[in-house]
PDB file of N, CA and C in Angstrom:
ATOM      1  N   MET A   1      -5.397  -7.014   7.107  1.00  0.00           N
ATOM      2  CA  MET A   1      -4.124  -8.224   7.184  1.00  0.00           C
ATOM      3  C   MET A   1      -3.536  -8.072   5.467  1.00  0.00           C
ATOM      4  N   PRO A   2      -2.123  -7.931   5.461  1.00  0.00           N
ATOM      5  CA  PRO A   2      -1.378  -8.018   4.300  1.00  0.00           C
ATOM      6  C   PRO A   2      -1.464  -9.359   3.325  1.00  0.00           C
ATOM      7  N   LYS A   3      -1.425  -9.373   2.090  1.00  0.00           N
ATOM      8  CA  LYS A   3      -1.791 -10.667   1.406  1.00  0.00           C
ATOM      9  C   LYS A   3      -0.171 -11.314   1.559  1.00  0.00           C
ATOM     10  N   LEU A   4      -0.322 -12.463   1.512  1.00  0.00           N
ATOM     11  CA  LEU A   4       1.147 -13.122   1.423  1.00  0.00           C
ATOM     12  C   LEU A   4       1.232 -13.501  -0.203  1.00  0.00           C
ATOM     13  N   ALA A   5       2.687 -13.267  -0.680  1.00  0.00           N
ATOM     14  CA  ALA A   5       2.955 -13.643  -1.901  1.00  0.00           C
ATOM     15  C   ALA A   5       4.156 -14.452  -1.719  1.00  0.00           C
ATOM     16  N   PRO A   6       4.598 -15.318  -3.078  1.00  0.00           N
ATOM     17  CA  PRO A   6       5.557 -16.088  -2.901  1.00  0.00           C
ATOM     18  C   PRO A   6       6.651 -15.152  -2.812  1.00  0.00           C
ATOM     19  N   ILE A   7       7.808 -15.629  -1.773  1.00  0.00           N
ATOM     20  CA  ILE A   7       9.065 -14.825  -1.373  1.00  0.00           C
ATOM     21  C   ILE A   7      10.585 -15.236  -2.026  1.00  0.00           C
ATOM     22  N   ALA A   8      11.320 -14.787  -2.222  1.00  0.00           N
ATOM     23  CA  ALA A   8      12.617 -15.393  -2.581  1.00  0.00           C
ATOM     24  C   ALA A   8      13.140 -16.192  -1.374  1.00  0.00           C
ATOM     25  N   ARG A   9      14.009 -17.113  -1.650  1.00  0.00           N
ATOM     26  CA  ARG A   9      14.874 -17.562  -0.833  1.00  0.00           C
ATOM     27  C   ARG A   9      15.647 -16.823   0.463  1.00  0.00           C
ATOM     28  N   ARG A  10      16.646 -16.319  -0.387  1.00  0.00           N
ATOM     29  CA  ARG A  10      17.278 -14.728   0.183  1.00  0.00           C
ATOM     30  C   ARG A  10      16.437 -13.837   1.179  1.00  0.00           C
ATOM     31  N   HIS A  11      15.219 -13.417   0.767  1.00  0.00           N
ATOM     32  CA  HIS A  11      14.602 -12.521   1.546  1.00  0.00           C
ATOM     33  C   HIS A  11      13.792 -13.341   2.748  1.00  0.00           C
ATOM     34  N   LEU A  12      13.525 -14.731   2.613  1.00  0.00           N
ATOM     35  CA  LEU A  12      12.967 -15.315   3.615  1.00  0.00           C
ATOM     36  C   LEU A  12      14.257 -15.628   4.462  1.00  0.00           C
ATOM     37  N   ILE A  13      15.158 -15.755   4.121  1.00  0.00           N
ATOM     38  CA  ILE A  13      16.616 -16.255   5.187  1.00  0.00           C
ATOM     39  C   ILE A  13      16.681 -15.007   5.955  1.00  0.00           C
ATOM     40  N   GLN A  14      16.604 -13.853   5.007  1.00  0.00           N
ATOM     41  CA  GLN A  14      16.891 -12.367   6.082  1.00  0.00           C
ATOM     42  C   GLN A  14      15.632 -12.348   7.097  1.00  0.00           C
ATOM     43  N   LYS A  15      14.390 -12.353   6.658  1.00  0.00           N
ATOM     44  CA  LYS A  15      13.439 -12.343   7.566  1.00  0.00           C
ATOM     45  C   LYS A  15      13.686 -13.019   9.019  1.00  0.00           C
ATOM     46  N   LEU A  16      14.205 -14.107   8.993  1.00  0.00           N
ATOM     47  CA  LEU A  16      14.559 -15.190   9.881  1.00  0.00           C
ATOM     48  C   LEU A  16      15.411 -14.717  10.716  1.00  0.00           C
ATOM     49  N   ARG A  17      16.452 -14.360   9.998  1.00  0.00           N
ATOM     50  CA  ARG A  17      17.629 -13.428  10.524  1.00  0.00           C
ATOM     51  C   ARG A  17      17.215 -12.231  11.652  1.00  0.00           C
ATOM     52  N   ASN A  18      15.797 -11.601  11.010  1.00  0.00           N
ATOM     53  CA  ASN A  18      15.617 -10.727  11.879  1.00  0.00           C
ATOM     54  C   ASN A  18      14.784 -10.986  12.965  1.00  0.00           C
ATOM     55  N   PHE A  19      14.335 -12.383  13.129  1.00  0.00           N
ATOM     56  CA  PHE A  19      13.654 -12.669  13.899  1.00  0.00           C
ATOM     57  C   PHE A  19      14.700 -13.365  14.960  1.00  0.00           C
ATOM     58  N   GLY A  20      16.159 -13.678  14.760  1.00  0.00           N
ATOM     59  CA  GLY A  20      16.892 -14.116  15.774  1.00  0.00           C
ATOM     60  C   GLY A  20      17.314 -15.406  15.397  1.00  0.00           C
ATOM     61  N   PHE A  21      17.321 -15.685  14.153  1.00  0.00           N
ATOM     62  CA  PHE A  21      17.838 -16.999  13.716  1.00  0.00           C
ATOM     63  C   PHE A  21      19.390 -16.828  12.907  1.00  0.00           C
ATOM     64  N   ARG A  22      20.008 -17.973  13.069  1.00  0.00           N
ATOM     65  CA  ARG A  22      21.406 -17.800  12.667  1.00  0.00           C
ATOM     66  C   ARG A  22      21.361 -19.151  11.626  1.00  0.00           C
ATOM     67  N   GLY A  23      22.057 -18.837  10.757  1.00  0.00           N
ATOM     68  CA  GLY A  23      22.258 -20.020   9.940  1.00  0.00           C
ATOM     69  C   GLY A  23      22.071 -19.364   8.336  1.00  0.00           C
ATOM     70  N   PRO A  24      21.772 -20.373   7.285  1.00  0.00           N
ATOM     71  CA  PRO A  24      21.568 -21.573   7.509  1.00  0.00           C
ATOM     72  C   PRO A  24      22.446 -22.442   7.394  1.00  0.00           C
ATOM     73  N   PHE A  25      22.233 -23.615   8.191  1.00  0.00           N
ATOM     74  CA  PHE A  25      23.168 -24.673   8.435  1.00  0.00           C
ATOM     75  C   PHE A  25      23.025 -25.873   7.608  1.00  0.00           C
ATOM     76  N   GLN A  26      23.903 -26.367   7.095  1.00  0.00           N
ATOM     77  CA  GLN A  26      23.246 -28.065   6.367  1.00  0.00           C
ATOM     78  C   GLN A  26      23.013 -28.946   7.042  1.00  0.00           C
ATOM     79  N   ALA A  27      21.960 -29.518   6.768  1.00  0.00           N
ATOM     80  CA  ALA A  27      21.370 -31.091   7.367  1.00  0.00           C
ATOM     81  C   ALA A  27      21.353 -31.705   6.238  1.00  0.00           C
ATOM     82  N   THR A  28      21.098 -33.248   6.322  1.00  0.00           N
ATOM     83  CA  THR A  28      20.931 -34.020   5.740  1.00  0.00           C
ATOM     84  C   THR A  28      20.537 -33.767   4.192  1.00  0.00           C
ATOM     85  N   ARG A  29      19.260 -33.370   4.398  1.00  0.00           N
ATOM     86  CA  ARG A  29      18.567 -33.079   2.819  1.00  0.00           C
ATOM     87  C   ARG A  29      18.209 -31.337   2.660  1.00  0.00           C
ATOM     88  N   HIS A  30      17.773 -31.013   3.491  1.00  0.00           N
ATOM     89  CA  HIS A  30      17.559 -29.672   3.544  1.00  0.00           C
ATOM     90  C   HIS A  30      18.436 -28.429   4.570  1.00  0.00           C
ATOM     91  N   GLU A  31      18.613 -27.403   4.213  1.00  0.00           N
ATOM     92  CA  GLU A  31      19.310 -26.801   5.344  1.00  0.00           C
ATOM     93  C   GLU A  31      18.078 -26.426   6.507  1.00  0.00           C
ATOM     94  N   TYR A  32      18.658 -25.533   7.555  1.00  0.00           N
ATOM     95  CA  TYR A  32      18.264 -25.219   8.148  1.00  0.00           C
ATOM     96  C   TYR A  32      18.591 -24.044   9.255  1.00  0.00           C
ATOM     97  N   MET A  33      17.548 -22.969   9.822  1.00  0.00           N
ATOM     98  CA  MET A  33      18.199 -22.004  10.490  1.00  0.00           C
ATOM     99  C   MET A  33      17.671 -22.152  12.127  1.00  0.00           C
ATOM    100  N   GLN A  34      18.539 -21.921  12.821  1.00  0.00           N
ATOM    101  CA  GLN A  34      18.491 -22.174  14.480  1.00  0.00           C
ATOM    102  C   GLN A  34      18.212 -20.964  15.423  1.00  0.00           C
ATOM    103  N   ARG A  35      17.840 -20.721  16.166  1.00  0.00           N
ATOM    104  CA  ARG A  35      17.541 -19.850  17.335  1.00  0.00           C
ATOM    105  C   ARG A  35      16.987 -20.929  18.760  1.00  0.00           C
ATOM    106  N   ASP A  36      18.088 -20.581  19.528  1.00  0.00           N
ATOM    107  CA  ASP A  36      18.395 -20.973  20.803  1.00  0.00           C
ATOM    108  C   ASP A  36      18.067 -22.497  20.306  1.00  0.00           C
ATOM    109  N   SER A  37      16.978 -23.384  20.844  1.00  0.00           N
ATOM    110  CA  SER A  37      17.164 -24.860  20.427  1.00  0.00           C
ATOM    111  C   SER A  37      16.162 -24.928  19.148  1.00  0.00           C
ATOM    112  N   GLU A  38      15.412 -23.985  18.876  1.00  0.00           N
ATOM    113  CA  GLU A  38      14.510 -24.116  18.077  1.00  0.00           C
ATOM    114  C   GLU A  38      14.880 -23.810  16.583  1.00  0.00           C
ATOM    115  N   LYS A  39      14.478 -24.875  15.519  1.00  0.00           N
ATOM    116  CA  LYS A  39      14.800 -25.065  14.322  1.00  0.00           C
ATOM    117  C   LYS A  39      13.724 -24.780  13.067  1.00  0.00           C
ATOM    118  N   ILE A  40      14.227 -24.054  12.226  1.00  0.00           N
ATOM    119  CA  ILE A  40      13.126 -24.100  11.374  1.00  0.00           C
ATOM    120  C   ILE A  40      14.165 -24.468   9.838  1.00  0.00           C
ATOM    121  N   PHE A  41      13.345 -25.484   9.092  1.00  0.00           N
ATOM    122  CA  PHE A  41      14.026 -26.141   7.917  1.00  0.00           C
ATOM    123  C   PHE A  41      13.578 -24.989   6.945  1.00  0.00           C
ATOM    124  N   ILE A  42      14.400 -24.949   5.995  1.00  0.00           N
ATOM    125  CA  ILE A  42      14.458 -23.756   4.646  1.00  0.00           C
ATOM    126  C   ILE A  42      14.266 -24.970   3.422  1.00  0.00           C
ATOM    127  N   PRO A  43      13.915 -24.353   2.425  1.00  0.00           N
ATOM    128  CA  PRO A  43      13.684 -25.019   1.228  1.00  0.00           C
ATOM    129  C   PRO A  43      15.097 -25.036   0.351  1.00  0.00           C
ATOM    130  N   ASN A  44      15.782 -26.271   0.192  1.00  0.00           N
ATOM    131  CA  ASN A  44      16.607 -25.812  -1.039  1.00  0.00           C
ATOM    132  C   ASN A  44      16.688 -25.093  -2.328  1.00  0.00           C
ATOM    133  N   PRO A  45      17.548 -24.211  -2.216  1.00  0.00           N
ATOM    134  CA  PRO A  45      17.462 -23.361  -3.492  1.00  0.00           C
ATOM    135  C   PRO A  45      17.747 -23.974  -4.896  1.00  0.00           C
ATOM    136  N   HIS A  46      16.238 -23.740  -5.593  1.00  0.00           N
ATOM    137  CA  HIS A  46      15.869 -24.156  -6.746  1.00  0.00           C
ATOM    138  C   HIS A  46      15.854 -23.079  -7.905  1.00  0.00           C
ATOM    139  N   GLY A  47      16.134 -21.930  -7.516  1.00  0.00           N
ATOM    140  CA  GLY A  47      15.715 -20.697  -8.382  1.00  0.00           C
ATOM    141  C   GLY A  47      14.341 -20.194  -8.867  1.00  0.00           C
ATOM    142  N   LYS A  48      13.340 -20.744  -7.884  1.00  0.00           N
ATOM    143  CA  LYS A  48      12.281 -20.185  -7.745  1.00  0.00           C
ATOM    144  C   LYS A  48      11.526 -19.869  -6.515  1.00  0.00           C
ATOM    145  N   ASP A  49      10.819 -18.913  -6.394  1.00  0.00           N
ATOM    146  CA  ASP A  49      10.343 -18.256  -5.264  1.00  0.00           C
ATOM    147  C   ASP A  49       9.803 -19.396  -4.060  1.00  0.00           C
ATOM    148  N   ILE A  50       9.556 -19.228  -2.597  1.00  0.00           N
ATOM    149  CA  ILE A  50       9.161 -20.203  -2.193  1.00  0.00           C
ATOM    150  C   ILE A  50       7.691 -19.740  -2.025  1.00  0.00           C
ATOM    151  N   GLY A  51       6.600 -20.781  -2.417  1.00  0.00           N
ATOM    152  CA  GLY A  51       5.102 -20.734  -2.545  1.00  0.00           C
ATOM    153  C   GLY A  51       4.433 -20.001  -1.089  1.00  0.00           C
ATOM    154  N   VAL A  52       3.512 -19.662  -1.137  1.00  0.00           N
ATOM    155  CA  VAL A  52       2.483 -19.412  -0.106  1.00  0.00           C
ATOM    156  C   VAL A  52       2.315 -20.252   0.791  1.00  0.00           C
ATOM    157  N   PRO A  53       1.872 -21.551   0.157  1.00  0.00           N
ATOM    158  CA  PRO A  53       1.786 -22.690   0.983  1.00  0.00           C
ATOM    159  C   PRO A  53       2.789 -22.715   2.233  1.00  0.00           C
ATOM    160  N   LEU A  54       3.704 -22.824   1.520  1.00  0.00           N
ATOM    161  CA  LEU A  54       5.271 -23.072   2.722  1.00  0.00           C
ATOM    162  C   LEU A  54       5.328 -21.768   3.409  1.00  0.00           C
ATOM    163  N   VAL A  55       5.400 -20.981   2.983  1.00  0.00           N
ATOM    164  CA  VAL A  55       5.653 -19.391   3.650  1.00  0.00           C
ATOM    165  C   VAL A  55       4.806 -19.469   4.969  1.00  0.00           C
ATOM    166  N   LYS A  56       3.205 -20.045   4.599  1.00  0.00           N
ATOM    167  CA  LYS A  56       2.216 -20.107   5.809  1.00  0.00           C
ATOM    168  C   LYS A  56       2.632 -21.033   6.826  1.00  0.00           C
ATOM    169  N   ALA A  57       3.037 -22.269   6.562  1.00  0.00           N
ATOM    170  CA  ALA A  57       3.707 -23.229   7.299  1.00  0.00           C
ATOM    171  C   ALA A  57       5.186 -22.380   8.281  1.00  0.00           C
ATOM    172  N   ILE A  58       6.066 -21.890   7.585  1.00  0.00           N
ATOM    173  CA  ILE A  58       6.763 -21.446   8.100  1.00  0.00           C
ATOM    174  C   ILE A  58       6.290 -20.370   9.195  1.00  0.00           C
ATOM    175  N   ILE A  59       5.462 -19.599   8.951  1.00  0.00           N
ATOM    176  CA  ILE A  59       4.976 -18.841   9.764  1.00  0.00           C
ATOM    177  C   ILE A  59       4.671 -19.161  10.669  1.00  0.00           C
ATOM    178  N   GLU A  60       3.305 -20.348  10.804  1.00  0.00           N
ATOM    179  CA  GLU A  60       3.189 -21.060  11.848  1.00  0.00           C
ATOM    180  C   GLU A  60       4.018 -21.847  12.754  1.00  0.00           C
ATOM    181  N   GLN A  61       4.870 -22.640  12.408  1.00  0.00           N
ATOM    182  CA  GLN A  61       5.984 -22.885  12.743  1.00  0.00           C
ATOM    183  C   GLN A  61       6.908 -21.761  14.101  1.00  0.00           C
ATOM    184  N   LEU A  62       7.096 -20.449  13.447  1.00  0.00           N
ATOM    185  CA  LEU A  62       7.302 -19.742  14.043  1.00  0.00           C
ATOM    186  C   LEU A  62       6.544 -18.989  15.307  1.00  0.00           C
ATOM    187  N   GLY A  63       5.290 -19.188  15.257  1.00  0.00           N
ATOM    188  CA  GLY A  63       3.973 -18.722  16.223  1.00  0.00           C
ATOM    189  C   GLY A  63       3.933 -17.298  16.034  1.00  0.00           C
ATOM    190  N   ILE A  64       4.036 -17.046  15.037  1.00  0.00           N
ATOM    191  CA  ILE A  64       3.913 -15.414  14.921  1.00  0.00           C
ATOM    192  C   ILE A  64       2.413 -15.078  14.021  1.00  0.00           C
ATOM    193  N   SER A  65       2.343 -13.869  14.000  1.00  0.00           N
ATOM    194  CA  SER A  65       1.207 -13.346  13.063  1.00  0.00           C
ATOM    195  C   SER A  65       1.450 -13.166  11.524  1.00  0.00           C
ATOM    196  N   ARG A  66       0.622 -13.154  10.355  1.00  0.00           N
ATOM    197  CA  ARG A  66       1.244 -12.613   9.309  1.00  0.00           C
ATOM    198  C   ARG A  66       1.911 -11.151   9.307  1.00  0.00           C
ATOM    199  N   ASP A  67       1.104 -10.550   9.919  1.00  0.00           N
ATOM    200  CA  ASP A  67       1.701  -8.781  10.110  1.00  0.00           C
ATOM    201  C   ASP A  67       3.006  -8.969  10.227  1.00  0.00           C
ATOM    202  N   GLU A  68       3.180  -9.634  11.614  1.00  0.00           N
ATOM    203  CA  GLU A  68       4.661  -9.670  12.520  1.00  0.00           C
ATOM    204  C   GLU A  68       5.682 -10.045  11.181  1.00  0.00           C
ATOM    205  N   PHE A  69       5.121 -11.272  10.462  1.00  0.00           N
ATOM    206  CA  PHE A  69       6.163 -11.710   9.480  1.00  0.00           C
ATOM    207  C   PHE A  69       6.327 -10.671   8.273  1.00  0.00           C
ATOM    208  N   MET A  70       5.348 -10.141   7.786  1.00  0.00           N
ATOM    209  CA  MET A  70       5.826  -9.177   6.638  1.00  0.00           C
ATOM    210  C   MET A  70       6.197  -7.484   6.931  1.00  0.00           C
ATOM    211  N   LYS A  71       5.954  -7.111   8.727  1.00  0.00           N
ATOM    212  CA  LYS A  71       6.857  -5.980   8.938  1.00  0.00           C
ATOM    213  C   LYS A  71       8.228  -6.383   8.961  1.00  0.00           C
ATOM    214  N   LEU A  72       8.499  -7.007   9.362  1.00  0.00           N
ATOM    215  CA  LEU A  72      10.453  -7.433   8.975  1.00  0.00           C
ATOM    216  C   LEU A  72      10.807  -7.633   7.800  1.00  0.00           C
TER     217      LEU A  72
END
């Protein structure tokens, strides 16, 4: 199983698009991406990479394995 590492926000957005999500769209505090009725909130751009705990939480929300996430 590949080890997760921090990821740039633009790479996260690209991976989510590969999974069929559209966006990002502006919400009140954070942006989100949407696939059908499913929404994934993404962190605000702040110049740093997105940390491993948050990447793990997003993978869990997607309901996929780390391998699937790392492939795309």
